[in-house]
Structure formats: structure tokens, C-alpha cells
Amino acid sequence: MFDEESGKTLADLVMPGDTAVIAQGGEGGRGNMHFASSTRRSPRIATPGTAGEQRWIRMELRLVAEAGLVGLPNAGKSTLLTALSAARPKIAPYPFTTLAPNIGRVSISDEESFTLADIPGLIEGAHKGLGLGIRFLRHIMRTRLIVYVIDATDDPAAAFATVRGEIAAFDPMLAERLALVALNKIDLLETAEVTKIARKLRKLTGLEVFPISADKNEKLAPLVAAIARMLHTMEQPAHVPTEL
């Protein structure tokens, strides 16, 4: 929650049960019953209360997930979420099929799992509001790990540069967050071509690159294992309630 006039953060409610006072209520007045006594049965005395605090606030809802799928429209993010979890986002062969973030839980074992968010596709200029714009860029801020989903058939290097650039323009610190690359749609290319692209992307990004086919459910296990491993190596962020 933000103060609309100053832009100051008033509260950040993350954990279940979190509460915060953003506008202090006034104090009630005292009616004549408070002034009654044995000799003054019906006093004509009363005191007015004080007005409460008034302010305009802006509230933002940000999804909480451990890992977030980001990429250009039609990169296969929703297909990947469907392949890895029980979530069933809308999937269609045209841009901006996903109009709202979707969350699924990915099971690693009977005792271990993590939450994965499918963030609607980003395009160049998203940080300025183009496409689905900053309405969904802010959801990435809640993820601990970013998974760049890149279409192997459509200039992967340029796609990564566009998405990473939009995230950096929105929040430079966010672009430095722990991340890896899921090189999707490898079923449409020859193995040698996939190897070449993955090697080039690894060198360009400095990130681990995992060639996969979300549509064919190919090579997803190494990706899931890497996400789980990276989440394990990260310190769980401590939650400090905002004091007002």
C-alpha cells in the first residue's frame, strides 16, 4: 500500500494474517452519561470526539511465487506451467493468450515442491506500459528466481535481450536476480542446431541454459531439478512487518 500523494510505502503485507494501520481513527467523544452523578442525574454536558486521519492510498496486489516464468508472448510459458503443474492456463497460438498471472505448484517429491508463476508475455516497451506493461512486471518482484523462457526457433539472443532489457528498465535490481534460461521448442529443430544455440546463449547470458520442449514434455526433469537446487541455495528472505 502506498500514500497516493507522497508515494511512500505504508505497508507491505506478505504473510497470512499481516495487518497494518494506514489511517488512525479518531477518538470518540463522551456523552452526558459520563458526567452523571448522584446529585446530577441528567447533566447537559458532552464532549465532541476528534476526527480520524484521512488519506488517499493506492493498493497493489503482487502474486507470491518462488520462481517466475518470463518471456516474449508465445514463448511457451503457459505450456510449460501446464506441463510441470496442475495449473491449466489458457493456451492458444496467438500473442497475449495469458491476460493474468497463473500460479501452479511443482512437485519434486512427496515432501518437496515449489510454486511457479506464469507472467504474461513482455514486449519491447513493457516498462512504459506497452502490451500488458507494468501491470504484470511488478509480479516478478515477488519471485525469488526468474526463469527466462526463450523460443529456440525465433532469434533466442534477441528475445532474451528484449525481456532482460524490459526487466532492467523497470527495476535494475530485478535484472540481477538469480535466474536461468529454459530454451523451449527444441522439438522443432535438429539436435546439432539446439546444441549450437544453447552454447551461444550460455555464453551471451552467463546463465545456465536448459533445452526443453514443454509441448512434448521433453527434458523437463533437469530444468525442475535446477530450479529446486537454486532455490535451496538461496536464503529464505526474512519478513519484517512494517511498523507505522
C-alpha atoms as a PDB file:
ATOM      1  CA  MET A   1       0.000   0.000   0.000  1.00  0.00           C
ATOM      2  CA  PHE A   2       1.289   3.447  -0.964  1.00  0.00           C
ATOM      3  CA  ASP A   3       0.424   7.002   0.004  1.00  0.00           C
ATOM      4  CA  GLU A   4      -1.025   8.448  -3.209  1.00  0.00           C
ATOM      5  CA  GLU A   5       0.368  11.933  -2.610  1.00  0.00           C
ATOM      6  CA  SER A   6       3.905  11.205  -1.424  1.00  0.00           C
ATOM      7  CA  GLY A   7       4.380   7.782  -2.994  1.00  0.00           C
ATOM      8  CA  LYS A   8       5.685   6.490   0.350  1.00  0.00           C
ATOM      9  CA  THR A   9       5.210   2.798   1.116  1.00  0.00           C
ATOM     10  CA  LEU A  10       2.779   2.496   4.004  1.00  0.00           C
ATOM     11  CA  ALA A  11       2.662  -1.271   4.395  1.00  0.00           C
ATOM     12  CA  ASP A  12       3.782  -4.460   2.683  1.00  0.00           C
ATOM     13  CA  LEU A  13       1.544  -7.337   3.689  1.00  0.00           C
ATOM     14  CA  VAL A  14       3.213 -10.592   2.684  1.00  0.00           C
ATOM     15  CA  MET A  15       2.430 -13.255   5.270  1.00  0.00           C
ATOM     16  CA  PRO A  16      -1.065 -14.547   6.125  1.00  0.00           C
ATOM     17  CA  GLY A  17      -2.524 -12.564   8.994  1.00  0.00           C
ATOM     18  CA  ASP A  18      -0.343  -9.485   8.425  1.00  0.00           C
ATOM     19  CA  THR A  19      -2.096  -6.250   9.395  1.00  0.00           C
ATOM     20  CA  ALA A  20      -1.183  -2.576   9.385  1.00  0.00           C
ATOM     21  CA  VAL A  21      -2.836   0.690  10.404  1.00  0.00           C
ATOM     22  CA  ILE A  22      -2.709   3.095   7.483  1.00  0.00           C
ATOM     23  CA  ALA A  23      -5.126   5.752   8.816  1.00  0.00           C
ATOM     24  CA  GLN A  24      -5.551   6.303  12.545  1.00  0.00           C
ATOM     25  CA  GLY A  25      -9.143   6.530  13.674  1.00  0.00           C
ATOM     26  CA  GLY A  26     -10.359   9.447  15.789  1.00  0.00           C
ATOM     27  CA  GLU A  27     -11.211   9.359  19.462  1.00  0.00           C
ATOM     28  CA  GLY A  28     -14.850   9.160  20.468  1.00  0.00           C
ATOM     29  CA  GLY A  29     -16.476  11.903  22.488  1.00  0.00           C
ATOM     30  CA  ARG A  30     -18.103  11.480  25.873  1.00  0.00           C
ATOM     31  CA  GLY A  31     -21.837  11.694  26.235  1.00  0.00           C
ATOM     32  CA  ASN A  32     -23.782  13.065  29.176  1.00  0.00           C
ATOM     33  CA  MET A  33     -23.839   9.682  30.936  1.00  0.00           C
ATOM     34  CA  HIS A  34     -20.136  10.122  31.693  1.00  0.00           C
ATOM     35  CA  PHE A  35     -20.909  13.267  33.695  1.00  0.00           C
ATOM     36  CA  ALA A  36     -23.809  11.878  35.695  1.00  0.00           C
ATOM     37  CA  SER A  37     -23.509  11.754  39.461  1.00  0.00           C
ATOM     38  CA  SER A  38     -25.739  11.264  42.489  1.00  0.00           C
ATOM     39  CA  THR A  39     -26.508  14.969  42.517  1.00  0.00           C
ATOM     40  CA  ARG A  40     -26.560  15.474  38.743  1.00  0.00           C
ATOM     41  CA  ARG A  41     -28.858  12.845  37.303  1.00  0.00           C
ATOM     42  CA  SER A  42     -29.367  14.377  33.834  1.00  0.00           C
ATOM     43  CA  PRO A  43     -26.379  16.583  33.018  1.00  0.00           C
ATOM     44  CA  ARG A  44     -26.445  18.676  29.848  1.00  0.00           C
ATOM     45  CA  ILE A  45     -22.749  18.216  29.257  1.00  0.00           C
ATOM     46  CA  ALA A  46     -20.985  16.316  26.498  1.00  0.00           C
ATOM     47  CA  THR A  47     -17.605  16.498  24.730  1.00  0.00           C
ATOM     48  CA  PRO A  48     -17.103  16.071  20.969  1.00  0.00           C
ATOM     49  CA  GLY A  49     -14.791  13.422  19.554  1.00  0.00           C
ATOM     50  CA  THR A  50     -11.770  14.050  17.349  1.00  0.00           C
ATOM     51  CA  ALA A  51     -11.723  13.379  13.603  1.00  0.00           C
ATOM     52  CA  GLY A  52      -9.831  10.405  12.227  1.00  0.00           C
ATOM     53  CA  GLU A  53      -6.939  10.613   9.790  1.00  0.00           C
ATOM     54  CA  GLN A  54      -7.844  10.870   6.107  1.00  0.00           C
ATOM     55  CA  ARG A  55      -5.571   9.960   3.208  1.00  0.00           C
ATOM     56  CA  TRP A  56      -5.697   8.664  -0.340  1.00  0.00           C
ATOM     57  CA  ILE A  57      -3.917   5.343  -0.745  1.00  0.00           C
ATOM     58  CA  ARG A  58      -3.018   3.102  -3.659  1.00  0.00           C
ATOM     59  CA  MET A  59      -3.084  -0.669  -3.229  1.00  0.00           C
ATOM     60  CA  GLU A  60      -1.164  -3.129  -5.406  1.00  0.00           C
ATOM     61  CA  LEU A  61      -1.680  -6.878  -5.499  1.00  0.00           C
ATOM     62  CA  ARG A  62       1.513  -8.798  -6.172  1.00  0.00           C
ATOM     63  CA  LEU A  63       1.498 -12.547  -6.539  1.00  0.00           C
ATOM     64  CA  VAL A  64       3.913 -14.510  -4.389  1.00  0.00           C
ATOM     65  CA  ALA A  65       5.774 -17.367  -6.097  1.00  0.00           C
ATOM     66  CA  GLU A  66       9.213 -18.863  -5.645  1.00  0.00           C
ATOM     67  CA  ALA A  67      10.005 -18.916  -9.374  1.00  0.00           C
ATOM     68  CA  GLY A  68       8.542 -16.876 -12.225  1.00  0.00           C
ATOM     69  CA  LEU A  69       8.368 -17.682 -15.940  1.00  0.00           C
ATOM     70  CA  VAL A  70       9.072 -14.622 -18.088  1.00  0.00           C
ATOM     71  CA  GLY A  71       9.483 -14.262 -21.829  1.00  0.00           C
ATOM     72  CA  LEU A  72       8.018 -12.887 -25.030  1.00  0.00           C
ATOM     73  CA  PRO A  73       4.416 -13.710 -25.996  1.00  0.00           C
ATOM     74  CA  ASN A  74       4.070 -17.262 -27.358  1.00  0.00           C
ATOM     75  CA  ALA A  75       7.391 -18.409 -25.908  1.00  0.00           C
ATOM     76  CA  GLY A  76       5.569 -21.329 -24.287  1.00  0.00           C
ATOM     77  CA  LYS A  77       5.337 -20.166 -20.673  1.00  0.00           C
ATOM     78  CA  SER A  78       1.760 -21.350 -20.152  1.00  0.00           C
ATOM     79  CA  THR A  79       2.528 -24.666 -21.839  1.00  0.00           C
ATOM     80  CA  LEU A  80       5.496 -25.136 -19.520  1.00  0.00           C
ATOM     81  CA  LEU A  81       3.408 -24.320 -16.429  1.00  0.00           C
ATOM     82  CA  THR A  82       0.814 -26.856 -17.582  1.00  0.00           C
ATOM     83  CA  ALA A  83       3.484 -29.495 -18.153  1.00  0.00           C
ATOM     84  CA  LEU A  84       5.028 -29.015 -14.724  1.00  0.00           C
ATOM     85  CA  SER A  85       1.963 -28.469 -12.535  1.00  0.00           C
ATOM     86  CA  ALA A  86      -1.776 -28.981 -12.217  1.00  0.00           C
ATOM     87  CA  ALA A  87      -2.436 -25.382 -13.312  1.00  0.00           C
ATOM     88  CA  ARG A  88      -4.459 -25.061 -16.503  1.00  0.00           C
ATOM     89  CA  PRO A  89      -3.916 -21.606 -18.019  1.00  0.00           C
ATOM     90  CA  LYS A  90      -5.402 -20.767 -21.406  1.00  0.00           C
ATOM     91  CA  ILE A  91      -3.134 -21.834 -24.261  1.00  0.00           C
ATOM     92  CA  ALA A  92      -3.577 -20.673 -27.862  1.00  0.00           C
ATOM     93  CA  PRO A  93      -1.340 -19.950 -30.897  1.00  0.00           C
ATOM     94  CA  TYR A  94      -1.580 -16.153 -30.711  1.00  0.00           C
ATOM     95  CA  PRO A  95       0.094 -13.451 -28.602  1.00  0.00           C
ATOM     96  CA  PHE A  96      -1.178 -12.375 -25.170  1.00  0.00           C
ATOM     97  CA  THR A  97      -3.202 -15.522 -24.547  1.00  0.00           C
ATOM     98  CA  THR A  98      -2.357 -15.113 -20.865  1.00  0.00           C
ATOM     99  CA  LEU A  99      -4.039 -11.972 -19.581  1.00  0.00           C
ATOM    100  CA  ALA A 100      -3.424 -12.580 -15.879  1.00  0.00           C
ATOM    101  CA  PRO A 101      -0.620 -14.326 -13.987  1.00  0.00           C
ATOM    102  CA  ASN A 102      -1.191 -18.003 -13.209  1.00  0.00           C
ATOM    103  CA  ILE A 103       0.382 -19.988 -10.384  1.00  0.00           C
ATOM    104  CA  GLY A 104       0.996 -23.724 -10.140  1.00  0.00           C
ATOM    105  CA  ARG A 105       2.776 -25.963  -7.642  1.00  0.00           C
ATOM    106  CA  VAL A 106       5.556 -28.129  -8.995  1.00  0.00           C
ATOM    107  CA  SER A 107       6.166 -31.357  -7.077  1.00  0.00           C
ATOM    108  CA  ILE A 108       9.710 -32.613  -6.740  1.00  0.00           C
ATOM    109  CA  SER A 109       8.844 -35.409  -4.327  1.00  0.00           C
ATOM    110  CA  ASP A 110       6.125 -36.270  -1.820  1.00  0.00           C
ATOM    111  CA  GLU A 111       7.772 -33.928   0.675  1.00  0.00           C
ATOM    112  CA  GLU A 112       9.108 -31.163  -1.548  1.00  0.00           C
ATOM    113  CA  SER A 113       7.579 -28.706  -4.029  1.00  0.00           C
ATOM    114  CA  PHE A 114       7.792 -25.094  -5.155  1.00  0.00           C
ATOM    115  CA  THR A 115       5.395 -22.506  -6.597  1.00  0.00           C
ATOM    116  CA  LEU A 116       5.807 -21.379 -10.200  1.00  0.00           C
ATOM    117  CA  ALA A 117       4.164 -18.281 -11.703  1.00  0.00           C
ATOM    118  CA  ASP A 118       3.420 -17.738 -15.398  1.00  0.00           C
ATOM    119  CA  ILE A 119       3.840 -14.000 -16.036  1.00  0.00           C
ATOM    120  CA  PRO A 120       2.033 -12.652 -19.149  1.00  0.00           C
ATOM    121  CA  GLY A 121       4.293 -12.031 -22.139  1.00  0.00           C
ATOM    122  CA  LEU A 122       6.531  -8.969 -22.204  1.00  0.00           C
ATOM    123  CA  ILE A 123       7.273  -6.937 -25.323  1.00  0.00           C
ATOM    124  CA  GLU A 124       9.659  -4.090 -26.012  1.00  0.00           C
ATOM    125  CA  GLY A 125       8.352  -1.028 -24.173  1.00  0.00           C
ATOM    126  CA  ALA A 126       6.550  -3.061 -21.489  1.00  0.00           C
ATOM    127  CA  HIS A 127       8.148  -0.967 -18.727  1.00  0.00           C
ATOM    128  CA  LYS A 128       6.390   2.058 -20.294  1.00  0.00           C
ATOM    129  CA  GLY A 129       3.034   0.286 -20.330  1.00  0.00           C
ATOM    130  CA  LEU A 130       3.072  -1.216 -23.828  1.00  0.00           C
ATOM    131  CA  GLY A 131       1.408  -4.593 -24.260  1.00  0.00           C
ATOM    132  CA  LEU A 132       0.374  -5.764 -20.820  1.00  0.00           C
ATOM    133  CA  GLY A 133       3.019  -3.443 -19.427  1.00  0.00           C
ATOM    134  CA  ILE A 134       3.912  -2.789 -15.820  1.00  0.00           C
ATOM    135  CA  ARG A 135       0.658  -4.289 -14.551  1.00  0.00           C
ATOM    136  CA  PHE A 136       2.455  -7.632 -14.549  1.00  0.00           C
ATOM    137  CA  LEU A 137       6.109  -6.639 -14.384  1.00  0.00           C
ATOM    138  CA  ARG A 138       5.565  -5.891 -10.708  1.00  0.00           C
ATOM    139  CA  HIS A 139       4.594  -9.526 -10.038  1.00  0.00           C
ATOM    140  CA  ILE A 140       8.140 -10.592 -10.928  1.00  0.00           C
ATOM    141  CA  MET A 141       9.341  -8.626  -7.897  1.00  0.00           C
ATOM    142  CA  ARG A 142       7.836 -11.251  -5.606  1.00  0.00           C
ATOM    143  CA  THR A 143       9.661 -14.190  -7.222  1.00  0.00           C
ATOM    144  CA  ARG A 144      12.941 -15.430  -5.774  1.00  0.00           C
ATOM    145  CA  LEU A 145      14.133 -16.917  -9.069  1.00  0.00           C
ATOM    146  CA  ILE A 146      13.495 -15.866 -12.680  1.00  0.00           C
ATOM    147  CA  VAL A 147      13.143 -18.475 -15.427  1.00  0.00           C
ATOM    148  CA  TYR A 148      13.595 -16.887 -18.853  1.00  0.00           C
ATOM    149  CA  VAL A 149      11.523 -18.935 -21.313  1.00  0.00           C
ATOM    150  CA  ILE A 150      13.029 -18.419 -24.772  1.00  0.00           C
ATOM    151  CA  ASP A 151      11.698 -19.717 -28.100  1.00  0.00           C
ATOM    152  CA  ALA A 152      14.593 -21.586 -29.730  1.00  0.00           C
ATOM    153  CA  THR A 153      13.121 -21.039 -33.212  1.00  0.00           C
ATOM    154  CA  ASP A 154      12.823 -17.252 -33.096  1.00  0.00           C
ATOM    155  CA  ASP A 155      16.153 -15.430 -32.593  1.00  0.00           C
ATOM    156  CA  PRO A 156      16.792 -16.526 -28.963  1.00  0.00           C
ATOM    157  CA  ALA A 157      19.545 -13.970 -28.344  1.00  0.00           C
ATOM    158  CA  ALA A 158      17.335 -11.033 -29.359  1.00  0.00           C
ATOM    159  CA  ALA A 159      14.401 -12.416 -27.372  1.00  0.00           C
ATOM    160  CA  PHE A 160      16.484 -12.682 -24.213  1.00  0.00           C
ATOM    161  CA  ALA A 161      17.903  -9.185 -24.713  1.00  0.00           C
ATOM    162  CA  THR A 162      14.405  -7.717 -25.079  1.00  0.00           C
ATOM    163  CA  VAL A 163      12.966  -9.392 -21.992  1.00  0.00           C
ATOM    164  CA  ARG A 164      16.020  -8.772 -19.810  1.00  0.00           C
ATOM    165  CA  GLY A 165      16.119  -5.168 -21.008  1.00  0.00           C
ATOM    166  CA  GLU A 166      12.495  -4.536 -20.069  1.00  0.00           C
ATOM    167  CA  ILE A 167      13.007  -6.005 -16.607  1.00  0.00           C
ATOM    168  CA  ALA A 168      16.144  -3.895 -16.101  1.00  0.00           C
ATOM    169  CA  ALA A 169      14.329  -0.746 -17.253  1.00  0.00           C
ATOM    170  CA  PHE A 170      11.536  -1.459 -14.774  1.00  0.00           C
ATOM    171  CA  ASP A 171      13.862  -2.284 -11.876  1.00  0.00           C
ATOM    172  CA  PRO A 172      17.653  -2.643 -12.348  1.00  0.00           C
ATOM    173  CA  MET A 173      17.973  -4.730  -9.189  1.00  0.00           C
ATOM    174  CA  LEU A 174      15.397  -7.180 -10.517  1.00  0.00           C
ATOM    175  CA  ALA A 175      17.522  -7.888 -13.586  1.00  0.00           C
ATOM    176  CA  GLU A 176      20.329  -9.050 -11.274  1.00  0.00           C
ATOM    177  CA  ARG A 177      18.140 -11.613  -9.532  1.00  0.00           C
ATOM    178  CA  LEU A 178      19.172 -15.268  -9.676  1.00  0.00           C
ATOM    179  CA  ALA A 179      17.963 -16.726 -12.985  1.00  0.00           C
ATOM    180  CA  LEU A 180      18.282 -19.474 -15.566  1.00  0.00           C
ATOM    181  CA  VAL A 181      17.129 -19.993 -19.159  1.00  0.00           C
ATOM    182  CA  ALA A 182      14.608 -22.543 -20.455  1.00  0.00           C
ATOM    183  CA  LEU A 183      15.299 -22.840 -24.192  1.00  0.00           C
ATOM    184  CA  ASN A 184      11.905 -24.030 -25.398  1.00  0.00           C
ATOM    185  CA  LYS A 185      10.531 -25.663 -28.582  1.00  0.00           C
ATOM    186  CA  ILE A 186      13.644 -27.720 -29.280  1.00  0.00           C
ATOM    187  CA  ASP A 187      11.428 -30.387 -30.878  1.00  0.00           C
ATOM    188  CA  LEU A 188      11.195 -28.105 -33.934  1.00  0.00           C
ATOM    189  CA  LEU A 189      14.982 -28.059 -34.517  1.00  0.00           C
ATOM    190  CA  GLU A 190      17.769 -30.511 -35.221  1.00  0.00           C
ATOM    191  CA  THR A 191      19.818 -31.629 -32.219  1.00  0.00           C
ATOM    192  CA  ALA A 192      23.002 -30.050 -33.556  1.00  0.00           C
ATOM    193  CA  GLU A 193      21.247 -26.707 -34.023  1.00  0.00           C
ATOM    194  CA  VAL A 194      19.852 -26.833 -30.480  1.00  0.00           C
ATOM    195  CA  THR A 195      23.322 -27.529 -29.072  1.00  0.00           C
ATOM    196  CA  LYS A 196      24.771 -24.601 -31.011  1.00  0.00           C
ATOM    197  CA  ILE A 197      22.032 -22.201 -29.855  1.00  0.00           C
ATOM    198  CA  ALA A 198      22.283 -23.326 -26.234  1.00  0.00           C
ATOM    199  CA  ARG A 199      26.061 -22.846 -26.233  1.00  0.00           C
ATOM    200  CA  LYS A 200      25.741 -19.364 -27.728  1.00  0.00           C
ATOM    201  CA  LEU A 201      23.000 -18.360 -25.279  1.00  0.00           C
ATOM    202  CA  ARG A 202      25.007 -19.659 -22.339  1.00  0.00           C
ATOM    203  CA  LYS A 203      27.968 -17.531 -23.389  1.00  0.00           C
ATOM    204  CA  LEU A 204      25.793 -14.468 -24.020  1.00  0.00           C
ATOM    205  CA  THR A 205      23.771 -14.571 -20.793  1.00  0.00           C
ATOM    206  CA  GLY A 206      26.190 -16.155 -18.347  1.00  0.00           C
ATOM    207  CA  LEU A 207      23.262 -18.262 -17.139  1.00  0.00           C
ATOM    208  CA  GLU A 208      22.558 -21.981 -17.122  1.00  0.00           C
ATOM    209  CA  VAL A 209      20.590 -22.913 -20.250  1.00  0.00           C
ATOM    210  CA  PHE A 210      18.242 -25.901 -20.339  1.00  0.00           C
ATOM    211  CA  PRO A 211      16.972 -27.017 -23.765  1.00  0.00           C
ATOM    212  CA  ILE A 212      13.395 -28.295 -23.360  1.00  0.00           C
ATOM    213  CA  SER A 213      10.157 -28.950 -25.189  1.00  0.00           C
ATOM    214  CA  ALA A 214       7.235 -28.025 -22.972  1.00  0.00           C
ATOM    215  CA  ASP A 215       4.767 -29.179 -25.621  1.00  0.00           C
ATOM    216  CA  LYS A 216       6.340 -32.648 -25.920  1.00  0.00           C
ATOM    217  CA  ASN A 217       7.346 -32.895 -22.230  1.00  0.00           C
ATOM    218  CA  GLU A 218      10.976 -33.390 -23.209  1.00  0.00           C
ATOM    219  CA  LYS A 219      13.950 -32.790 -20.883  1.00  0.00           C
ATOM    220  CA  LEU A 220      11.867 -31.094 -18.191  1.00  0.00           C
ATOM    221  CA  ALA A 221      13.372 -33.045 -15.273  1.00  0.00           C
ATOM    222  CA  PRO A 222      16.805 -31.327 -15.440  1.00  0.00           C
ATOM    223  CA  LEU A 223      15.101 -27.927 -15.500  1.00  0.00           C
ATOM    224  CA  VAL A 224      12.958 -28.720 -12.457  1.00  0.00           C
ATOM    225  CA  ALA A 225      15.971 -30.115 -10.604  1.00  0.00           C
ATOM    226  CA  ALA A 226      17.973 -26.962 -11.356  1.00  0.00           C
ATOM    227  CA  ILE A 227      15.179 -24.663 -10.152  1.00  0.00           C
ATOM    228  CA  ALA A 228      14.861 -26.669  -6.929  1.00  0.00           C
ATOM    229  CA  ARG A 229      18.635 -26.663  -6.413  1.00  0.00           C
ATOM    230  CA  MET A 230      18.919 -22.916  -6.933  1.00  0.00           C
ATOM    231  CA  LEU A 231      16.025 -22.210  -4.584  1.00  0.00           C
ATOM    232  CA  HIS A 232      17.730 -24.358  -1.956  1.00  0.00           C
ATOM    233  CA  THR A 233      20.946 -22.370  -2.234  1.00  0.00           C
ATOM    234  CA  MET A 234      19.140 -19.071  -1.710  1.00  0.00           C
ATOM    235  CA  GLU A 235      18.480 -17.714   1.739  1.00  0.00           C
ATOM    236  CA  GLN A 236      14.786 -17.520   2.541  1.00  0.00           C
ATOM    237  CA  PRO A 237      14.047 -13.785   2.817  1.00  0.00           C
ATOM    238  CA  ALA A 238      13.075 -12.756   6.309  1.00  0.00           C
ATOM    239  CA  HIS A 239       9.778 -10.972   6.648  1.00  0.00           C
ATOM    240  CA  VAL A 240       9.850  -7.886   8.814  1.00  0.00           C
ATOM    241  CA  PRO A 241       6.388  -6.384   9.407  1.00  0.00           C
ATOM    242  CA  THR A 242       6.104  -2.698   8.615  1.00  0.00           C
ATOM    243  CA  GLU A 243       5.730  -0.621  11.766  1.00  0.00           C
ATOM    244  CA  LEU A 244       3.675   2.525  11.439  1.00  0.00           C
END
